Amino acid sequence: MTPADYPFNTASQGRRSIERYAKQYIGASDEATGVWHGKDAADKRNIGTGEKSFPFANAPFDVIGMDTHTMHCVGTLIIEGSHGLLAPI
């Protein structure tokens, strides 16, 4: 291959094509999903296929989720307690 041949003749030198392929493969492959996102994520891909049952909640707070974000600011979170008291965090 010469510098005039693809992928050497593009600005990204084929990196974007490989990145698109990898994202598509990870999204479509159960094994790759497990490696990249964990066994739980791979198992949840099977919901509705009859291969694995969905873990239903049996009691309050059995199934919860948390998503973290970074906020570049200074602030206070105030939570109301059990007797109506406000607690700054």
PDB file of N, CA and C in Angstrom:
ATOM      1  N   MET A   1       0.833  -1.177   0.000  1.00  0.00           N
ATOM      2  CA  MET A   1       0.000   0.000   0.000  1.00  0.00           C
ATOM      3  C   MET A   1       0.874   1.235   0.000  1.00  0.00           C
ATOM      4  N   THR A   2       0.397   2.229  -0.679  1.00  0.00           N
ATOM      5  CA  THR A   2       1.127   3.490  -0.748  1.00  0.00           C
ATOM      6  C   THR A   2       0.383   4.550   0.055  1.00  0.00           C
ATOM      7  N   PRO A   3       1.020   5.701   0.312  1.00  0.00           N
ATOM      8  CA  PRO A   3       0.330   6.780   1.021  1.00  0.00           C
ATOM      9  C   PRO A   3      -0.900   7.312   0.264  1.00  0.00           C
ATOM     10  N   ALA A   4      -1.026   7.009  -1.006  1.00  0.00           N
ATOM     11  CA  ALA A   4      -2.175   7.467  -1.782  1.00  0.00           C
ATOM     12  C   ALA A   4      -3.369   6.527  -1.667  1.00  0.00           C
ATOM     13  N   ASP A   5      -3.172   5.350  -1.050  1.00  0.00           N
ATOM     14  CA  ASP A   5      -4.250   4.365  -0.910  1.00  0.00           C
ATOM     15  C   ASP A   5      -5.013   4.573   0.400  1.00  0.00           C
ATOM     16  N   TYR A   6      -6.294   4.139   0.362  1.00  0.00           N
ATOM     17  CA  TYR A   6      -7.097   4.171   1.576  1.00  0.00           C
ATOM     18  C   TYR A   6      -6.551   3.128   2.538  1.00  0.00           C
ATOM     19  N   PRO A   7      -6.423   3.367   3.774  1.00  0.00           N
ATOM     20  CA  PRO A   7      -6.926   4.478   4.573  1.00  0.00           C
ATOM     21  C   PRO A   7      -5.933   5.611   4.758  1.00  0.00           C
ATOM     22  N   PHE A   8      -4.756   5.509   4.164  1.00  0.00           N
ATOM     23  CA  PHE A   8      -3.717   6.510   4.389  1.00  0.00           C
ATOM     24  C   PHE A   8      -4.016   7.840   3.716  1.00  0.00           C
ATOM     25  N   ASN A   9      -4.985   7.883   2.798  1.00  0.00           N
ATOM     26  CA  ASN A   9      -5.265   9.113   2.072  1.00  0.00           C
ATOM     27  C   ASN A   9      -6.402   9.920   2.704  1.00  0.00           C
ATOM     28  N   THR A  10      -6.827   9.579   3.926  1.00  0.00           N
ATOM     29  CA  THR A  10      -7.872  10.327   4.620  1.00  0.00           C
ATOM     30  C   THR A  10      -7.293  10.965   5.879  1.00  0.00           C
ATOM     31  N   ALA A  11      -8.002  11.968   6.387  1.00  0.00           N
ATOM     32  CA  ALA A  11      -7.509  12.689   7.570  1.00  0.00           C
ATOM     33  C   ALA A  11      -7.412  11.771   8.784  1.00  0.00           C
ATOM     34  N   SER A  12      -8.395  10.904   8.982  1.00  0.00           N
ATOM     35  CA  SER A  12      -8.381  10.031  10.165  1.00  0.00           C
ATOM     36  C   SER A  12      -7.657   8.717   9.905  1.00  0.00           C
ATOM     37  N   GLN A  13      -7.251   8.483   8.683  1.00  0.00           N
ATOM     38  CA  GLN A  13      -6.532   7.280   8.268  1.00  0.00           C
ATOM     39  C   GLN A  13      -7.302   6.007   8.624  1.00  0.00           C
ATOM     40  N   GLY A  14      -8.624   6.063   8.475  1.00  0.00           N
ATOM     41  CA  GLY A  14      -9.461   4.889   8.677  1.00  0.00           C
ATOM     42  C   GLY A  14      -9.896   4.644  10.104  1.00  0.00           C
ATOM     43  N   ARG A  15      -9.460   5.497  11.020  1.00  0.00           N
ATOM     44  CA  ARG A  15      -9.809   5.306  12.430  1.00  0.00           C
ATOM     45  C   ARG A  15     -11.312   5.342  12.649  1.00  0.00           C
ATOM     46  N   ARG A  16     -12.016   6.259  12.003  1.00  0.00           N
ATOM     47  CA  ARG A  16     -13.469   6.381  12.181  1.00  0.00           C
ATOM     48  C   ARG A  16     -14.192   5.131  11.671  1.00  0.00           C
ATOM     49  N   SER A  17     -13.726   4.558  10.580  1.00  0.00           N
ATOM     50  CA  SER A  17     -14.359   3.343  10.064  1.00  0.00           C
ATOM     51  C   SER A  17     -14.212   2.194  11.044  1.00  0.00           C
ATOM     52  N   ILE A  18     -13.038   2.056  11.618  1.00  0.00           N
ATOM     53  CA  ILE A  18     -12.807   0.992  12.596  1.00  0.00           C
ATOM     54  C   ILE A  18     -13.616   1.250  13.861  1.00  0.00           C
ATOM     55  N   GLU A  19     -13.707   2.518  14.281  1.00  0.00           N
ATOM     56  CA  GLU A  19     -14.495   2.863  15.465  1.00  0.00           C
ATOM     57  C   GLU A  19     -15.979   2.543  15.247  1.00  0.00           C
ATOM     58  N   ARG A  20     -16.524   2.884  14.084  1.00  0.00           N
ATOM     59  CA  ARG A  20     -17.922   2.573  13.783  1.00  0.00           C
ATOM     60  C   ARG A  20     -18.151   1.063  13.770  1.00  0.00           C
ATOM     61  N   TYR A  21     -17.229   0.323  13.190  1.00  0.00           N
ATOM     62  CA  TYR A  21     -17.348  -1.138  13.161  1.00  0.00           C
ATOM     63  C   TYR A  21     -17.324  -1.708  14.574  1.00  0.00           C
ATOM     64  N   ALA A  22     -16.395  -1.241  15.416  1.00  0.00           N
ATOM     65  CA  ALA A  22     -16.270  -1.760  16.779  1.00  0.00           C
ATOM     66  C   ALA A  22     -17.535  -1.473  17.587  1.00  0.00           C
ATOM     67  N   LYS A  23     -18.099  -0.273  17.473  1.00  0.00           N
ATOM     68  CA  LYS A  23     -19.324   0.064  18.202  1.00  0.00           C
ATOM     69  C   LYS A  23     -20.476  -0.817  17.745  1.00  0.00           C
ATOM     70  N   GLN A  24     -20.577  -1.043  16.451  1.00  0.00           N
ATOM     71  CA  GLN A  24     -21.646  -1.886  15.912  1.00  0.00           C
ATOM     72  C   GLN A  24     -21.466  -3.328  16.389  1.00  0.00           C
ATOM     73  N   TYR A  25     -20.241  -3.812  16.392  1.00  0.00           N
ATOM     74  CA  TYR A  25     -19.962  -5.180  16.818  1.00  0.00           C
ATOM     75  C   TYR A  25     -20.268  -5.370  18.298  1.00  0.00           C
ATOM     76  N   ILE A  26     -19.832  -4.421  19.135  1.00  0.00           N
ATOM     77  CA  ILE A  26     -20.078  -4.519  20.575  1.00  0.00           C
ATOM     78  C   ILE A  26     -21.579  -4.497  20.848  1.00  0.00           C
ATOM     79  N   GLY A  27     -22.324  -3.689  20.111  1.00  0.00           N
ATOM     80  CA  GLY A  27     -23.763  -3.619  20.297  1.00  0.00           C
ATOM     81  C   GLY A  27     -24.493  -4.857  19.831  1.00  0.00           C
ATOM     82  N   ALA A  28     -23.939  -5.589  18.880  1.00  0.00           N
ATOM     83  CA  ALA A  28     -24.624  -6.746  18.304  1.00  0.00           C
ATOM     84  C   ALA A  28     -24.174  -8.077  18.891  1.00  0.00           C
ATOM     85  N   SER A  29     -23.021  -8.126  19.509  1.00  0.00           N
ATOM     86  CA  SER A  29     -22.453  -9.386  19.981  1.00  0.00           C
ATOM     87  C   SER A  29     -22.644  -9.545  21.492  1.00  0.00           C
ATOM     88  N   ASP A  30     -23.251 -10.658  21.904  1.00  0.00           N
ATOM     89  CA  ASP A  30     -23.431 -10.928  23.337  1.00  0.00           C
ATOM     90  C   ASP A  30     -22.084 -11.063  24.055  1.00  0.00           C
ATOM     91  N   GLU A  31     -21.138 -11.739  23.426  1.00  0.00           N
ATOM     92  CA  GLU A  31     -19.830 -11.912  24.069  1.00  0.00           C
ATOM     93  C   GLU A  31     -19.132 -10.574  24.246  1.00  0.00           C
ATOM     94  N   ALA A  32     -19.163  -9.721  23.216  1.00  0.00           N
ATOM     95  CA  ALA A  32     -18.498  -8.423  23.302  1.00  0.00           C
ATOM     96  C   ALA A  32     -19.197  -7.519  24.313  1.00  0.00           C
ATOM     97  N   THR A  33     -20.527  -7.591  24.378  1.00  0.00           N
ATOM     98  CA  THR A  33     -21.247  -6.787  25.369  1.00  0.00           C
ATOM     99  C   THR A  33     -20.815  -7.182  26.769  1.00  0.00           C
ATOM    100  N   GLY A  34     -20.680  -8.478  27.021  1.00  0.00           N
ATOM    101  CA  GLY A  34     -20.238  -8.944  28.330  1.00  0.00           C
ATOM    102  C   GLY A  34     -18.839  -8.475  28.673  1.00  0.00           C
ATOM    103  N   VAL A  35     -17.946  -8.493  27.712  1.00  0.00           N
ATOM    104  CA  VAL A  35     -16.562  -8.076  27.952  1.00  0.00           C
ATOM    105  C   VAL A  35     -16.489  -6.576  28.220  1.00  0.00           C
ATOM    106  N   TRP A  36     -17.187  -5.781  27.421  1.00  0.00           N
ATOM    107  CA  TRP A  36     -17.086  -4.328  27.522  1.00  0.00           C
ATOM    108  C   TRP A  36     -17.963  -3.741  28.620  1.00  0.00           C
ATOM    109  N   HIS A  37     -19.157  -4.288  28.837  1.00  0.00           N
ATOM    110  CA  HIS A  37     -20.104  -3.662  29.754  1.00  0.00           C
ATOM    111  C   HIS A  37     -20.467  -4.535  30.945  1.00  0.00           C
ATOM    112  N   GLY A  38     -19.950  -5.740  31.035  1.00  0.00           N
ATOM    113  CA  GLY A  38     -20.204  -6.611  32.175  1.00  0.00           C
ATOM    114  C   GLY A  38     -21.259  -7.660  31.894  1.00  0.00           C
ATOM    115  N   LYS A  39     -21.249  -8.699  32.735  1.00  0.00           N
ATOM    116  CA  LYS A  39     -22.164  -9.825  32.558  1.00  0.00           C
ATOM    117  C   LYS A  39     -23.623  -9.408  32.718  1.00  0.00           C
ATOM    118  N   ASP A  40     -23.913  -8.512  33.663  1.00  0.00           N
ATOM    119  CA  ASP A  40     -25.299  -8.081  33.863  1.00  0.00           C
ATOM    120  C   ASP A  40     -25.857  -7.408  32.610  1.00  0.00           C
ATOM    121  N   ALA A  41     -25.054  -6.566  31.973  1.00  0.00           N
ATOM    122  CA  ALA A  41     -25.517  -5.906  30.750  1.00  0.00           C
ATOM    123  C   ALA A  41     -25.764  -6.931  29.653  1.00  0.00           C
ATOM    124  N   ALA A  42     -24.898  -7.919  29.535  1.00  0.00           N
ATOM    125  CA  ALA A  42     -25.081  -8.958  28.514  1.00  0.00           C
ATOM    126  C   ALA A  42     -26.335  -9.779  28.810  1.00  0.00           C
ATOM    127  N   ASP A  43     -26.586 -10.085  30.090  1.00  0.00           N
ATOM    128  CA  ASP A  43     -27.776 -10.853  30.456  1.00  0.00           C
ATOM    129  C   ASP A  43     -29.054 -10.073  30.168  1.00  0.00           C
ATOM    130  N   LYS A  44     -29.035  -8.773  30.402  1.00  0.00           N
ATOM    131  CA  LYS A  44     -30.234  -7.956  30.180  1.00  0.00           C
ATOM    132  C   LYS A  44     -30.571  -7.816  28.701  1.00  0.00           C
ATOM    133  N   ARG A  45     -29.609  -8.082  27.829  1.00  0.00           N
ATOM    134  CA  ARG A  45     -29.888  -8.063  26.384  1.00  0.00           C
ATOM    135  C   ARG A  45     -30.849  -9.192  26.007  1.00  0.00           C
ATOM    136  N   ASN A  46     -30.910 -10.235  26.831  1.00  0.00           N
ATOM    137  CA  ASN A  46     -31.719 -11.407  26.518  1.00  0.00           C
ATOM    138  C   ASN A  46     -33.167 -11.292  26.985  1.00  0.00           C
ATOM    139  N   ILE A  47     -33.562 -10.166  27.558  1.00  0.00           N
ATOM    140  CA  ILE A  47     -34.933 -10.006  28.031  1.00  0.00           C
ATOM    141  C   ILE A  47     -35.877 -10.085  26.842  1.00  0.00           C
ATOM    142  N   GLY A  48     -36.896 -10.898  26.977  1.00  0.00           N
ATOM    143  CA  GLY A  48     -37.890 -11.039  25.916  1.00  0.00           C
ATOM    144  C   GLY A  48     -37.555 -12.097  24.891  1.00  0.00           C
ATOM    145  N   THR A  49     -36.408 -12.732  25.015  1.00  0.00           N
ATOM    146  CA  THR A  49     -36.026 -13.774  24.067  1.00  0.00           C
ATOM    147  C   THR A  49     -36.355 -15.161  24.592  1.00  0.00           C
ATOM    148  N   GLY A  50     -36.735 -15.263  25.863  1.00  0.00           N
ATOM    149  CA  GLY A  50     -37.027 -16.552  26.480  1.00  0.00           C
ATOM    150  C   GLY A  50     -35.783 -17.259  26.966  1.00  0.00           C
ATOM    151  N   GLU A  51     -34.614 -16.650  26.769  1.00  0.00           N
ATOM    152  CA  GLU A  51     -33.372 -17.286  27.198  1.00  0.00           C
ATOM    153  C   GLU A  51     -33.084 -17.060  28.675  1.00  0.00           C
ATOM    154  N   LYS A  52     -33.583 -15.958  29.226  1.00  0.00           N
ATOM    155  CA  LYS A  52     -33.307 -15.650  30.616  1.00  0.00           C
ATOM    156  C   LYS A  52     -34.487 -14.855  31.158  1.00  0.00           C
ATOM    157  N   SER A  53     -34.874 -15.151  32.402  1.00  0.00           N
ATOM    158  CA  SER A  53     -36.010 -14.436  32.985  1.00  0.00           C
ATOM    159  C   SER A  53     -35.552 -13.091  33.541  1.00  0.00           C
ATOM    160  N   PHE A  54     -36.486 -12.176  33.628  1.00  0.00           N
ATOM    161  CA  PHE A  54     -36.221 -10.836  34.149  1.00  0.00           C
ATOM    162  C   PHE A  54     -36.333 -10.860  35.674  1.00  0.00           C
ATOM    163  N   PRO A  55     -35.354 -10.327  36.399  1.00  0.00           N
ATOM    164  CA  PRO A  55     -35.419 -10.357  37.865  1.00  0.00           C
ATOM    165  C   PRO A  55     -36.386  -9.286  38.384  1.00  0.00           C
ATOM    166  N   PHE A  56     -37.598  -9.686  38.731  1.00  0.00           N
ATOM    167  CA  PHE A  56     -38.578  -8.734  39.233  1.00  0.00           C
ATOM    168  C   PHE A  56     -38.282  -8.376  40.686  1.00  0.00           C
ATOM    169  N   ALA A  57     -38.701  -7.175  41.080  1.00  0.00           N
ATOM    170  CA  ALA A  57     -38.517  -6.724  42.452  1.00  0.00           C
ATOM    171  C   ALA A  57     -39.523  -7.422  43.355  1.00  0.00           C
ATOM    172  N   ASN A  58     -39.086  -7.843  44.512  1.00  0.00           N
ATOM    173  CA  ASN A  58     -39.956  -8.498  45.485  1.00  0.00           C
ATOM    174  C   ASN A  58     -40.322  -7.578  46.640  1.00  0.00           C
ATOM    175  N   ALA A  59     -39.555  -6.536  46.860  1.00  0.00           N
ATOM    176  CA  ALA A  59     -39.794  -5.613  47.963  1.00  0.00           C
ATOM    177  C   ALA A  59     -39.361  -4.213  47.523  1.00  0.00           C
ATOM    178  N   PRO A  60     -39.808  -3.176  48.247  1.00  0.00           N
ATOM    179  CA  PRO A  60     -39.366  -1.819  47.891  1.00  0.00           C
ATOM    180  C   PRO A  60     -37.845  -1.715  47.895  1.00  0.00           C
ATOM    181  N   PHE A  61     -37.334  -0.991  46.973  1.00  0.00           N
ATOM    182  CA  PHE A  61     -35.905  -0.726  46.820  1.00  0.00           C
ATOM    183  C   PHE A  61     -35.094  -1.952  46.411  1.00  0.00           C
ATOM    184  N   ASP A  62     -35.737  -3.028  45.941  1.00  0.00           N
ATOM    185  CA  ASP A  62     -35.005  -4.173  45.409  1.00  0.00           C
ATOM    186  C   ASP A  62     -34.290  -3.813  44.114  1.00  0.00           C
ATOM    187  N   VAL A  63     -34.954  -3.049  43.285  1.00  0.00           N
ATOM    188  CA  VAL A  63     -34.360  -2.655  42.007  1.00  0.00           C
ATOM    189  C   VAL A  63     -34.231  -1.145  42.002  1.00  0.00           C
ATOM    190  N   ILE A  64     -32.995  -0.666  41.995  1.00  0.00           N
ATOM    191  CA  ILE A  64     -32.748   0.768  41.939  1.00  0.00           C
ATOM    192  C   ILE A  64     -31.659   1.014  40.917  1.00  0.00           C
ATOM    193  N   GLY A  65     -31.525   2.226  40.495  1.00  0.00           N
ATOM    194  CA  GLY A  65     -30.469   2.580  39.560  1.00  0.00           C
ATOM    195  C   GLY A  65     -29.829   3.884  39.975  1.00  0.00           C
ATOM    196  N   MET A  66     -28.588   4.062  39.601  1.00  0.00           N
ATOM    197  CA  MET A  66     -27.887   5.288  39.916  1.00  0.00           C
ATOM    198  C   MET A  66     -27.062   5.686  38.698  1.00  0.00           C
ATOM    199  N   ASP A  67     -27.127   6.917  38.364  1.00  0.00           N
ATOM    200  CA  ASP A  67     -26.371   7.431  37.241  1.00  0.00           C
ATOM    201  C   ASP A  67     -25.617   8.660  37.733  1.00  0.00           C
ATOM    202  N   THR A  68     -24.316   8.653  37.623  1.00  0.00           N
ATOM    203  CA  THR A  68     -23.532   9.765  38.152  1.00  0.00           C
ATOM    204  C   THR A  68     -23.195  10.751  37.051  1.00  0.00           C
ATOM    205  N   HIS A  69     -23.158  11.992  37.446  1.00  0.00           N
ATOM    206  CA  HIS A  69     -22.794  13.070  36.532  1.00  0.00           C
ATOM    207  C   HIS A  69     -21.905  14.048  37.286  1.00  0.00           C
ATOM    208  N   THR A  70     -21.109  14.778  36.568  1.00  0.00           N
ATOM    209  CA  THR A  70     -20.271  15.801  37.165  1.00  0.00           C
ATOM    210  C   THR A  70     -20.885  17.152  36.864  1.00  0.00           C
ATOM    211  N   MET A  71     -21.115  17.933  37.911  1.00  0.00           N
ATOM    212  CA  MET A  71     -21.609  19.301  37.736  1.00  0.00           C
ATOM    213  C   MET A  71     -20.535  20.236  38.260  1.00  0.00           C
ATOM    214  N   HIS A  72     -20.062  21.110  37.419  1.00  0.00           N
ATOM    215  CA  HIS A  72     -19.019  22.047  37.800  1.00  0.00           C
ATOM    216  C   HIS A  72     -19.661  23.289  38.412  1.00  0.00           C
ATOM    217  N   CYS A  73     -20.112  23.141  39.659  1.00  0.00           N
ATOM    218  CA  CYS A  73     -20.728  24.258  40.362  1.00  0.00           C
ATOM    219  C   CYS A  73     -20.613  24.012  41.860  1.00  0.00           C
ATOM    220  N   VAL A  74     -20.888  25.052  42.632  1.00  0.00           N
ATOM    221  CA  VAL A  74     -20.907  24.935  44.079  1.00  0.00           C
ATOM    222  C   VAL A  74     -22.354  25.102  44.506  1.00  0.00           C
ATOM    223  N   GLY A  75     -22.859  24.195  45.346  1.00  0.00           N
ATOM    224  CA  GLY A  75     -24.248  24.282  45.771  1.00  0.00           C
ATOM    225  C   GLY A  75     -24.488  23.445  47.009  1.00  0.00           C
ATOM    226  N   THR A  76     -25.696  23.515  47.504  1.00  0.00           N
ATOM    227  CA  THR A  76     -26.105  22.765  48.687  1.00  0.00           C
ATOM    228  C   THR A  76     -27.383  22.021  48.370  1.00  0.00           C
ATOM    229  N   LEU A  77     -27.458  20.783  48.794  1.00  0.00           N
ATOM    230  CA  LEU A  77     -28.653  19.972  48.648  1.00  0.00           C
ATOM    231  C   LEU A  77     -29.309  19.891  50.021  1.00  0.00           C
ATOM    232  N   ILE A  78     -30.604  20.244  50.092  1.00  0.00           N
ATOM    233  CA  ILE A  78     -31.312  20.223  51.364  1.00  0.00           C
ATOM    234  C   ILE A  78     -32.364  19.123  51.306  1.00  0.00           C
ATOM    235  N   ILE A  79     -32.294  18.200  52.259  1.00  0.00           N
ATOM    236  CA  ILE A  79     -33.212  17.067  52.306  1.00  0.00           C
ATOM    237  C   ILE A  79     -34.092  17.192  53.541  1.00  0.00           C
ATOM    238  N   GLU A  80     -35.401  16.961  53.356  1.00  0.00           N
ATOM    239  CA  GLU A  80     -36.329  17.016  54.473  1.00  0.00           C
ATOM    240  C   GLU A  80     -36.293  15.682  55.211  1.00  0.00           C
ATOM    241  N   GLY A  81     -36.081  15.746  56.516  1.00  0.00           N
ATOM    242  CA  GLY A  81     -36.000  14.544  57.328  1.00  0.00           C
ATOM    243  C   GLY A  81     -37.379  14.004  57.710  1.00  0.00           C
ATOM    244  N   SER A  82     -37.359  12.978  58.562  1.00  0.00           N
ATOM    245  CA  SER A  82     -38.599  12.283  58.912  1.00  0.00           C
ATOM    246  C   SER A  82     -39.552  13.147  59.731  1.00  0.00           C
ATOM    247  N   HIS A  83     -39.063  14.121  60.488  1.00  0.00           N
ATOM    248  CA  HIS A  83     -39.925  14.965  61.314  1.00  0.00           C
ATOM    249  C   HIS A  83     -40.037  16.371  60.730  1.00  0.00           C
ATOM    250  N   GLY A  84     -39.798  16.504  59.440  1.00  0.00           N
ATOM    251  CA  GLY A  84     -39.914  17.804  58.782  1.00  0.00           C
ATOM    252  C   GLY A  84     -38.699  18.691  58.931  1.00  0.00           C
ATOM    253  N   LEU A  85     -37.631  18.184  59.557  1.00  0.00           N
ATOM    254  CA  LEU A  85     -36.411  18.966  59.708  1.00  0.00           C
ATOM    255  C   LEU A  85     -35.655  18.991  58.400  1.00  0.00           C
ATOM    256  N   LEU A  86     -35.091  20.127  58.070  1.00  0.00           N
ATOM    257  CA  LEU A  86     -34.309  20.262  56.837  1.00  0.00           C
ATOM    258  C   LEU A  86     -32.837  20.058  57.160  1.00  0.00           C
ATOM    259  N   ALA A  87     -32.176  19.193  56.396  1.00  0.00           N
ATOM    260  CA  ALA A  87     -30.771  18.872  56.628  1.00  0.00           C
ATOM    261  C   ALA A  87     -29.957  19.238  55.400  1.00  0.00           C
ATOM    262  N   PRO A  88     -29.079  20.256  55.480  1.00  0.00           N
ATOM    263  CA  PRO A  88     -28.215  20.546  54.316  1.00  0.00           C
ATOM    264  C   PRO A  88     -27.114  19.510  54.186  1.00  0.00           C
ATOM    265  N   ILE A  89     -26.843  19.138  52.955  1.00  0.00           N
ATOM    266  CA  ILE A  89     -25.789  18.160  52.684  1.00  0.00           C
ATOM    267  C   ILE A  89     -24.710  18.842  51.874  1.00  0.00           C
TER     268      ILE A  89
END
